[in-house]
């Protein structure tokens, strides 16, 4: 089932939506994963979408896949899309048999940045649409960050991400401050599961290490899994023996550290 997020098409012709991957009603109320594919905010890695949702179905979770606005849109529009998606899920929690306080945002690369952005900006970025969903919280209860771009640090971060989200070649300082997720970690940040390969050729693994350290310093529950080898963008990592079990590890983190009932 496809659900459009907004009543109108965006100014550049994009129409963000969620695609549902729900377990049978006989499964009873379950947690839900909002899956955000990567693609540098310029395109989508489809293999990081519905196949991932189906994998988490197998692990006992409902899921939806988010198609959010990408270039040439600017911050905060992609974040608005994810926040709106979370509100729509909570609005439909009873009908979809979703436990409303057990919703995790999962993202790959730029999608991981988006997931973390929702945890930072849920109360400051306007995602209202003038309907019943507005009364529900947009905050994710947990995060799964897969080789996520989390920093604009010029040493180990991804400063190019800031240019994309600024809408051009020039970096907007205000946007840089807003999208540098690592600089916004507080004790209120949701529990987070991070995984990455040590040889990632697009997102420096030190970014994940630094982010996990910031979470631990803030007393936020966090797990960090780094495997020795593998390129960027491996998705379910089915061809990487060291990494292919990350969905099971993430699911167990949600069950044990976040008390999700899956």
C-alpha atoms as a PDB file:
ATOM      1  CA  UNK A   1       0.000   0.000   0.000  1.00  0.00           C
ATOM      2  CA  UNK A   2       1.333   3.406  -0.976  1.00  0.00           C
ATOM      3  CA  UNK A   3       0.410   6.469   1.067  1.00  0.00           C
ATOM      4  CA  UNK A   4       1.305   9.959  -0.131  1.00  0.00           C
ATOM      5  CA  UNK A   5       2.656  12.116   2.676  1.00  0.00           C
ATOM      6  CA  UNK A   6       1.307  15.450   1.533  1.00  0.00           C
ATOM      7  CA  UNK A   7      -1.842  16.550  -0.268  1.00  0.00           C
ATOM      8  CA  UNK A   8       0.086  18.472  -2.912  1.00  0.00           C
ATOM      9  CA  UNK A   9       3.003  17.702  -5.199  1.00  0.00           C
ATOM     10  CA  UNK A  10       6.166  19.596  -4.181  1.00  0.00           C
ATOM     11  CA  UNK A  11       7.312  22.629  -6.153  1.00  0.00           C
ATOM     12  CA  UNK A  12       9.809  20.510  -8.127  1.00  0.00           C
ATOM     13  CA  UNK A  13       7.334  17.763  -8.964  1.00  0.00           C
ATOM     14  CA  UNK A  14       8.266  15.204  -6.295  1.00  0.00           C
ATOM     15  CA  UNK A  15       5.572  13.403  -4.329  1.00  0.00           C
ATOM     16  CA  UNK A  16       7.054  11.739  -1.227  1.00  0.00           C
ATOM     17  CA  UNK A  17       5.285   8.667   0.085  1.00  0.00           C
ATOM     18  CA  UNK A  18       5.566   5.584   2.266  1.00  0.00           C
ATOM     19  CA  UNK A  19       5.114   2.031   1.058  1.00  0.00           C
ATOM     20  CA  UNK A  20       3.843  -0.318   3.744  1.00  0.00           C
ATOM     21  CA  UNK A  21       5.191  -3.780   4.534  1.00  0.00           C
ATOM     22  CA  UNK A  22       2.935  -4.863   7.376  1.00  0.00           C
ATOM     23  CA  UNK A  23       2.694  -8.220   9.092  1.00  0.00           C
ATOM     24  CA  UNK A  24      -0.682 -10.029   9.143  1.00  0.00           C
ATOM     25  CA  UNK A  25      -3.120  -8.728  11.743  1.00  0.00           C
ATOM     26  CA  UNK A  26      -3.010 -12.133  13.390  1.00  0.00           C
ATOM     27  CA  UNK A  27       0.557 -11.317  14.452  1.00  0.00           C
ATOM     28  CA  UNK A  28      -0.821  -8.842  16.977  1.00  0.00           C
ATOM     29  CA  UNK A  29       0.617  -5.413  17.811  1.00  0.00           C
ATOM     30  CA  UNK A  30       4.263  -5.126  16.782  1.00  0.00           C
ATOM     31  CA  UNK A  31       6.968  -2.464  16.568  1.00  0.00           C
ATOM     32  CA  UNK A  32       7.564  -0.766  13.221  1.00  0.00           C
ATOM     33  CA  UNK A  33      10.688   0.195  11.269  1.00  0.00           C
ATOM     34  CA  UNK A  34      10.682   3.220   8.948  1.00  0.00           C
ATOM     35  CA  UNK A  35      13.282   2.405   6.289  1.00  0.00           C
ATOM     36  CA  UNK A  36      15.122   5.311   4.621  1.00  0.00           C
ATOM     37  CA  UNK A  37      17.226   4.245   1.602  1.00  0.00           C
ATOM     38  CA  UNK A  38      20.458   6.073   0.880  1.00  0.00           C
ATOM     39  CA  UNK A  39      21.663   7.840  -2.234  1.00  0.00           C
ATOM     40  CA  UNK A  40      23.356  11.060  -1.165  1.00  0.00           C
ATOM     41  CA  UNK A  41      20.056  12.968  -1.263  1.00  0.00           C
ATOM     42  CA  UNK A  42      20.347  12.803  -5.072  1.00  0.00           C
ATOM     43  CA  UNK A  43      18.825   9.370  -5.842  1.00  0.00           C
ATOM     44  CA  UNK A  44      17.607   6.204  -4.075  1.00  0.00           C
ATOM     45  CA  UNK A  45      19.288   2.855  -3.538  1.00  0.00           C
ATOM     46  CA  UNK A  46      16.193   0.716  -4.060  1.00  0.00           C
ATOM     47  CA  UNK A  47      17.963  -2.365  -2.705  1.00  0.00           C
ATOM     48  CA  UNK A  48      18.093  -0.497   0.626  1.00  0.00           C
ATOM     49  CA  UNK A  49      14.308  -0.156   0.666  1.00  0.00           C
ATOM     50  CA  UNK A  50      11.696  -2.875   0.329  1.00  0.00           C
ATOM     51  CA  UNK A  51      14.149  -5.820   0.644  1.00  0.00           C
ATOM     52  CA  UNK A  52      15.222  -4.413   4.019  1.00  0.00           C
ATOM     53  CA  UNK A  53      11.607  -3.938   5.083  1.00  0.00           C
ATOM     54  CA  UNK A  54      10.868  -7.572   4.197  1.00  0.00           C
ATOM     55  CA  UNK A  55      13.899  -8.737   6.154  1.00  0.00           C
ATOM     56  CA  UNK A  56      12.630  -6.982   9.264  1.00  0.00           C
ATOM     57  CA  UNK A  57       9.190  -8.492   8.652  1.00  0.00           C
ATOM     58  CA  UNK A  58      10.903 -11.870   8.991  1.00  0.00           C
ATOM     59  CA  UNK A  59      12.333 -10.690  12.305  1.00  0.00           C
ATOM     60  CA  UNK A  60       8.920  -9.750  13.679  1.00  0.00           C
ATOM     61  CA  UNK A  61       8.604  -6.058  12.799  1.00  0.00           C
ATOM     62  CA  UNK A  62       6.165  -4.110  10.705  1.00  0.00           C
ATOM     63  CA  UNK A  63       7.925  -1.784   8.267  1.00  0.00           C
ATOM     64  CA  UNK A  64       7.351   1.073   5.865  1.00  0.00           C
ATOM     65  CA  UNK A  65       9.742   2.363   3.213  1.00  0.00           C
ATOM     66  CA  UNK A  66      10.053   6.126   2.843  1.00  0.00           C
ATOM     67  CA  UNK A  67      10.545   7.852  -0.492  1.00  0.00           C
ATOM     68  CA  UNK A  68      11.585  11.313   0.631  1.00  0.00           C
ATOM     69  CA  UNK A  69      12.343  14.467  -1.326  1.00  0.00           C
ATOM     70  CA  UNK A  70      15.830  14.628  -2.818  1.00  0.00           C
ATOM     71  CA  UNK A  71      17.873  17.161  -4.780  1.00  0.00           C
ATOM     72  CA  UNK A  72      17.073  19.897  -5.718  1.00  0.00           C
ATOM     73  CA  UNK A  73      15.112  20.168  -2.471  1.00  0.00           C
ATOM     74  CA  UNK A  74      16.874  21.670   0.523  1.00  0.00           C
ATOM     75  CA  UNK A  75      16.915  21.074   4.255  1.00  0.00           C
ATOM     76  CA  UNK A  76      14.531  20.710   6.026  1.00  0.00           C
ATOM     77  CA  UNK A  77      12.254  19.187   3.361  1.00  0.00           C
ATOM     78  CA  UNK A  78      13.564  15.578   3.531  1.00  0.00           C
ATOM     79  CA  UNK A  79      13.404  15.758   7.331  1.00  0.00           C
ATOM     80  CA  UNK A  80       9.831  17.014   7.112  1.00  0.00           C
ATOM     81  CA  UNK A  81       8.990  13.942   5.043  1.00  0.00           C
ATOM     82  CA  UNK A  82      10.338  11.513   7.622  1.00  0.00           C
ATOM     83  CA  UNK A  83       8.701  13.337  10.514  1.00  0.00           C
ATOM     84  CA  UNK A  84       5.396  13.350   8.655  1.00  0.00           C
ATOM     85  CA  UNK A  85       5.794   9.618   7.920  1.00  0.00           C
ATOM     86  CA  UNK A  86       6.281   8.839  11.622  1.00  0.00           C
ATOM     87  CA  UNK A  87       3.179  10.856  12.488  1.00  0.00           C
ATOM     88  CA  UNK A  88       1.135   8.998   9.872  1.00  0.00           C
ATOM     89  CA  UNK A  89       2.311   5.658  11.274  1.00  0.00           C
ATOM     90  CA  UNK A  90       1.273   6.659  14.789  1.00  0.00           C
ATOM     91  CA  UNK A  91      -2.079   7.918  13.510  1.00  0.00           C
ATOM     92  CA  UNK A  92      -2.679   4.494  11.957  1.00  0.00           C
ATOM     93  CA  UNK A  93      -1.210   2.504  14.850  1.00  0.00           C
ATOM     94  CA  UNK A  94      -4.473   0.863  15.871  1.00  0.00           C
ATOM     95  CA  UNK A  95      -5.521  -0.026  12.323  1.00  0.00           C
ATOM     96  CA  UNK A  96      -2.063  -1.341  11.409  1.00  0.00           C
ATOM     97  CA  UNK A  97      -1.470  -3.122  14.742  1.00  0.00           C
ATOM     98  CA  UNK A  98       1.607  -0.991  15.485  1.00  0.00           C
ATOM     99  CA  UNK A  99       2.860  -0.338  19.021  1.00  0.00           C
ATOM    100  CA  UNK A 100       2.964   3.479  18.836  1.00  0.00           C
ATOM    101  CA  UNK A 101       5.893   4.005  21.207  1.00  0.00           C
ATOM    102  CA  UNK A 102       8.037   1.398  19.445  1.00  0.00           C
ATOM    103  CA  UNK A 103       8.891   3.037  16.124  1.00  0.00           C
ATOM    104  CA  UNK A 104      12.480   3.005  14.873  1.00  0.00           C
ATOM    105  CA  UNK A 105      13.940   4.984  11.978  1.00  0.00           C
ATOM    106  CA  UNK A 106      16.472   2.992   9.954  1.00  0.00           C
ATOM    107  CA  UNK A 107      18.651   4.613   7.328  1.00  0.00           C
ATOM    108  CA  UNK A 108      21.567   3.894   5.028  1.00  0.00           C
ATOM    109  CA  UNK A 109      24.250   6.508   4.292  1.00  0.00           C
ATOM    110  CA  UNK A 110      22.310   9.733   3.568  1.00  0.00           C
ATOM    111  CA  UNK A 111      19.190   7.896   4.717  1.00  0.00           C
ATOM    112  CA  UNK A 112      20.981   7.303   8.012  1.00  0.00           C
ATOM    113  CA  UNK A 113      21.654  11.012   8.192  1.00  0.00           C
ATOM    114  CA  UNK A 114      17.946  11.589   7.615  1.00  0.00           C
ATOM    115  CA  UNK A 115      16.950   9.147  10.347  1.00  0.00           C
ATOM    116  CA  UNK A 116      19.259  10.872  12.824  1.00  0.00           C
ATOM    117  CA  UNK A 117      18.031  14.276  11.657  1.00  0.00           C
ATOM    118  CA  UNK A 118      14.513  13.299  12.694  1.00  0.00           C
ATOM    119  CA  UNK A 119      15.813  12.544  16.197  1.00  0.00           C
ATOM    120  CA  UNK A 120      17.359  16.027  16.372  1.00  0.00           C
ATOM    121  CA  UNK A 121      14.692  18.153  14.702  1.00  0.00           C
ATOM    122  CA  UNK A 122      11.372  16.467  15.507  1.00  0.00           C
ATOM    123  CA  UNK A 123      10.299  19.388  17.716  1.00  0.00           C
ATOM    124  CA  UNK A 124      11.764  22.241  15.652  1.00  0.00           C
ATOM    125  CA  UNK A 125      11.063  21.324  12.015  1.00  0.00           C
ATOM    126  CA  UNK A 126       7.425  21.849  11.079  1.00  0.00           C
ATOM    127  CA  UNK A 127       5.901  18.644   9.684  1.00  0.00           C
ATOM    128  CA  UNK A 128       2.265  19.583  10.164  1.00  0.00           C
ATOM    129  CA  UNK A 129      -0.225  19.171   7.327  1.00  0.00           C
ATOM    130  CA  UNK A 130      -3.459  20.406   8.863  1.00  0.00           C
ATOM    131  CA  UNK A 131      -4.920  16.955   9.472  1.00  0.00           C
ATOM    132  CA  UNK A 132      -5.344  14.411  12.260  1.00  0.00           C
ATOM    133  CA  UNK A 133      -1.729  13.227  12.046  1.00  0.00           C
ATOM    134  CA  UNK A 134      -0.546  16.586  13.416  1.00  0.00           C
ATOM    135  CA  UNK A 135      -1.565  15.626  16.954  1.00  0.00           C
ATOM    136  CA  UNK A 136       0.913  12.716  17.048  1.00  0.00           C
ATOM    137  CA  UNK A 137       4.587  12.869  17.972  1.00  0.00           C
ATOM    138  CA  UNK A 138       7.142  12.774  15.152  1.00  0.00           C
ATOM    139  CA  UNK A 139      10.012  11.570  17.358  1.00  0.00           C
ATOM    140  CA  UNK A 140      11.523   8.169  16.534  1.00  0.00           C
ATOM    141  CA  UNK A 141      11.883   5.891  19.559  1.00  0.00           C
ATOM    142  CA  UNK A 142      15.128   4.333  18.300  1.00  0.00           C
ATOM    143  CA  UNK A 143      17.569   4.569  15.397  1.00  0.00           C
ATOM    144  CA  UNK A 144      19.364   2.032  13.214  1.00  0.00           C
ATOM    145  CA  UNK A 145      22.200   3.839  11.436  1.00  0.00           C
ATOM    146  CA  UNK A 146      23.819   1.887   8.616  1.00  0.00           C
ATOM    147  CA  UNK A 147      27.095   3.415   7.354  1.00  0.00           C
ATOM    148  CA  UNK A 148      25.409   6.733   8.040  1.00  0.00           C
ATOM    149  CA  UNK A 149      26.754  10.163   7.133  1.00  0.00           C
ATOM    150  CA  UNK A 150      26.532  11.922  10.485  1.00  0.00           C
ATOM    151  CA  UNK A 151      29.145  14.654  10.431  1.00  0.00           C
ATOM    152  CA  UNK A 152      30.241  17.610   8.308  1.00  0.00           C
ATOM    153  CA  UNK A 153      33.657  17.477   9.984  1.00  0.00           C
ATOM    154  CA  UNK A 154      36.218  18.166   7.207  1.00  0.00           C
ATOM    155  CA  UNK A 155      38.629  15.576   8.626  1.00  0.00           C
ATOM    156  CA  UNK A 156      36.390  12.482   8.754  1.00  0.00           C
ATOM    157  CA  UNK A 157      32.920  13.777   7.903  1.00  0.00           C
ATOM    158  CA  UNK A 158      31.000  14.423   4.699  1.00  0.00           C
ATOM    159  CA  UNK A 159      30.966  18.188   4.138  1.00  0.00           C
ATOM    160  CA  UNK A 160      29.571  17.649   0.626  1.00  0.00           C
ATOM    161  CA  UNK A 161      26.307  16.590   2.215  1.00  0.00           C
ATOM    162  CA  UNK A 162      25.871  20.116   3.522  1.00  0.00           C
ATOM    163  CA  UNK A 163      26.204  21.553   0.026  1.00  0.00           C
ATOM    164  CA  UNK A 164      23.537  19.194  -1.297  1.00  0.00           C
ATOM    165  CA  UNK A 165      21.159  20.117   1.520  1.00  0.00           C
ATOM    166  CA  UNK A 166      21.938  23.809   0.979  1.00  0.00           C
ATOM    167  CA  UNK A 167      20.608  23.417  -2.551  1.00  0.00           C
ATOM    168  CA  UNK A 168      23.724  24.142  -4.561  1.00  0.00           C
ATOM    169  CA  UNK A 169      27.480  24.517  -4.653  1.00  0.00           C
ATOM    170  CA  UNK A 170      27.571  27.075  -1.853  1.00  0.00           C
ATOM    171  CA  UNK A 171      27.304  25.894   1.727  1.00  0.00           C
ATOM    172  CA  UNK A 172      24.733  27.709   3.856  1.00  0.00           C
ATOM    173  CA  UNK A 173      26.223  28.087   7.384  1.00  0.00           C
ATOM    174  CA  UNK A 174      22.782  27.776   8.973  1.00  0.00           C
ATOM    175  CA  UNK A 175      22.139  24.536   7.105  1.00  0.00           C
ATOM    176  CA  UNK A 176      25.575  23.243   8.057  1.00  0.00           C
ATOM    177  CA  UNK A 177      24.797  23.829  11.725  1.00  0.00           C
ATOM    178  CA  UNK A 178      21.417  22.107  11.425  1.00  0.00           C
ATOM    179  CA  UNK A 179      22.598  19.019   9.530  1.00  0.00           C
ATOM    180  CA  UNK A 180      25.792  18.367  11.506  1.00  0.00           C
ATOM    181  CA  UNK A 181      24.054  15.678  13.532  1.00  0.00           C
ATOM    182  CA  UNK A 182      27.084  14.841  15.665  1.00  0.00           C
ATOM    183  CA  UNK A 183      26.986  18.331  17.141  1.00  0.00           C
ATOM    184  CA  UNK A 184      23.412  17.857  18.396  1.00  0.00           C
ATOM    185  CA  UNK A 185      23.790  14.781  20.584  1.00  0.00           C
ATOM    186  CA  UNK A 186      22.215  15.163  24.030  1.00  0.00           C
ATOM    187  CA  UNK A 187      20.905  12.816  26.685  1.00  0.00           C
ATOM    188  CA  UNK A 188      17.498  13.041  24.959  1.00  0.00           C
ATOM    189  CA  UNK A 189      18.775  11.304  21.811  1.00  0.00           C
ATOM    190  CA  UNK A 190      17.037   7.967  21.068  1.00  0.00           C
ATOM    191  CA  UNK A 191      18.880   4.672  21.618  1.00  0.00           C
ATOM    192  CA  UNK A 192      20.941   3.950  18.518  1.00  0.00           C
ATOM    193  CA  UNK A 193      22.414   0.948  16.739  1.00  0.00           C
ATOM    194  CA  UNK A 194      25.274   1.726  14.335  1.00  0.00           C
ATOM    195  CA  UNK A 195      27.138  -0.531  11.947  1.00  0.00           C
ATOM    196  CA  UNK A 196      29.725   0.039   9.236  1.00  0.00           C
ATOM    197  CA  UNK A 197      32.715  -1.544   7.508  1.00  0.00           C
ATOM    198  CA  UNK A 198      36.195  -0.356   8.417  1.00  0.00           C
ATOM    199  CA  UNK A 199      37.088   0.060   4.734  1.00  0.00           C
ATOM    200  CA  UNK A 200      34.019   2.102   3.750  1.00  0.00           C
ATOM    201  CA  UNK A 201      35.153   4.221   0.818  1.00  0.00           C
ATOM    202  CA  UNK A 202      32.481   6.937   1.065  1.00  0.00           C
ATOM    203  CA  UNK A 203      31.782   7.505   4.777  1.00  0.00           C
ATOM    204  CA  UNK A 204      34.825   7.404   7.032  1.00  0.00           C
ATOM    205  CA  UNK A 205      34.345   4.811   9.764  1.00  0.00           C
ATOM    206  CA  UNK A 206      35.710   7.312  12.291  1.00  0.00           C
ATOM    207  CA  UNK A 207      32.471   9.220  11.871  1.00  0.00           C
ATOM    208  CA  UNK A 208      30.518   6.309  13.341  1.00  0.00           C
ATOM    209  CA  UNK A 209      33.117   5.794  16.062  1.00  0.00           C
ATOM    210  CA  UNK A 210      32.988   9.449  17.069  1.00  0.00           C
ATOM    211  CA  UNK A 211      29.189   9.474  17.004  1.00  0.00           C
ATOM    212  CA  UNK A 212      28.966   6.408  19.232  1.00  0.00           C
ATOM    213  CA  UNK A 213      31.414   7.985  21.678  1.00  0.00           C
ATOM    214  CA  UNK A 214      29.236  11.097  21.830  1.00  0.00           C
ATOM    215  CA  UNK A 215      26.167   8.971  22.534  1.00  0.00           C
ATOM    216  CA  UNK A 216      27.926   7.053  25.309  1.00  0.00           C
ATOM    217  CA  UNK A 217      29.204  10.307  26.829  1.00  0.00           C
ATOM    218  CA  UNK A 218      25.606  11.565  26.891  1.00  0.00           C
ATOM    219  CA  UNK A 219      24.488   8.316  28.606  1.00  0.00           C
ATOM    220  CA  UNK A 220      22.433   7.265  25.565  1.00  0.00           C
ATOM    221  CA  UNK A 221      22.156   3.530  24.929  1.00  0.00           C
ATOM    222  CA  UNK A 222      24.144   2.764  21.797  1.00  0.00           C
ATOM    223  CA  UNK A 223      25.698  -0.225  20.050  1.00  0.00           C
ATOM    224  CA  UNK A 224      28.479   0.065  17.481  1.00  0.00           C
ATOM    225  CA  UNK A 225      29.432  -2.804  15.157  1.00  0.00           C
ATOM    226  CA  UNK A 226      32.401  -2.425  12.831  1.00  0.00           C
ATOM    227  CA  UNK A 227      33.397  -5.243  10.490  1.00  0.00           C
ATOM    228  CA  UNK A 228      36.885  -5.431   8.948  1.00  0.00           C
ATOM    229  CA  UNK A 229      36.154  -5.201   5.231  1.00  0.00           C
ATOM    230  CA  UNK A 230      33.528  -4.160   2.724  1.00  0.00           C
ATOM    231  CA  UNK A 231      32.640  -1.219   0.490  1.00  0.00           C
ATOM    232  CA  UNK A 232      30.080   1.497   1.054  1.00  0.00           C
ATOM    233  CA  UNK A 233      26.472   0.793   0.189  1.00  0.00           C
ATOM    234  CA  UNK A 234      26.205  -2.920   0.935  1.00  0.00           C
ATOM    235  CA  UNK A 235      22.557  -2.903   2.040  1.00  0.00           C
ATOM    236  CA  UNK A 236      21.677  -6.228   3.609  1.00  0.00           C
ATOM    237  CA  UNK A 237      25.340  -7.243   3.112  1.00  0.00           C
ATOM    238  CA  UNK A 238      24.375 -10.758   2.049  1.00  0.00           C
ATOM    239  CA  UNK A 239      27.784 -11.280   0.395  1.00  0.00           C
ATOM    240  CA  UNK A 240      29.749 -10.097   3.437  1.00  0.00           C
ATOM    241  CA  UNK A 241      30.013 -12.905   6.012  1.00  0.00           C
ATOM    242  CA  UNK A 242      31.145 -10.503   8.732  1.00  0.00           C
ATOM    243  CA  UNK A 243      28.280  -8.084   8.151  1.00  0.00           C
ATOM    244  CA  UNK A 244      25.280 -10.022   6.883  1.00  0.00           C
ATOM    245  CA  UNK A 245      23.899 -10.650  10.346  1.00  0.00           C
ATOM    246  CA  UNK A 246      23.486  -6.954  11.126  1.00  0.00           C
ATOM    247  CA  UNK A 247      19.646  -7.097  10.867  1.00  0.00           C
ATOM    248  CA  UNK A 248      19.525  -9.770  13.561  1.00  0.00           C
ATOM    249  CA  UNK A 249      21.892  -7.753  15.745  1.00  0.00           C
ATOM    250  CA  UNK A 250      19.832  -4.606  15.243  1.00  0.00           C
ATOM    251  CA  UNK A 251      16.606  -6.463  16.028  1.00  0.00           C
ATOM    252  CA  UNK A 252      18.118  -7.839  19.226  1.00  0.00           C
ATOM    253  CA  UNK A 253      19.255  -4.344  20.221  1.00  0.00           C
ATOM    254  CA  UNK A 254      15.689  -3.096  19.808  1.00  0.00           C
ATOM    255  CA  UNK A 255      14.355  -5.978  21.884  1.00  0.00           C
ATOM    256  CA  UNK A 256      16.866  -5.806  24.718  1.00  0.00           C
ATOM    257  CA  UNK A 257      18.072  -2.201  24.961  1.00  0.00           C
ATOM    258  CA  UNK A 258      14.868  -0.531  23.753  1.00  0.00           C
ATOM    259  CA  UNK A 259      12.338  -3.083  25.084  1.00  0.00           C
ATOM    260  CA  UNK A 260      10.607  -3.416  21.719  1.00  0.00           C
ATOM    261  CA  UNK A 261       8.083  -6.257  21.701  1.00  0.00           C
ATOM    262  CA  UNK A 262       9.045  -8.120  18.531  1.00  0.00           C
END
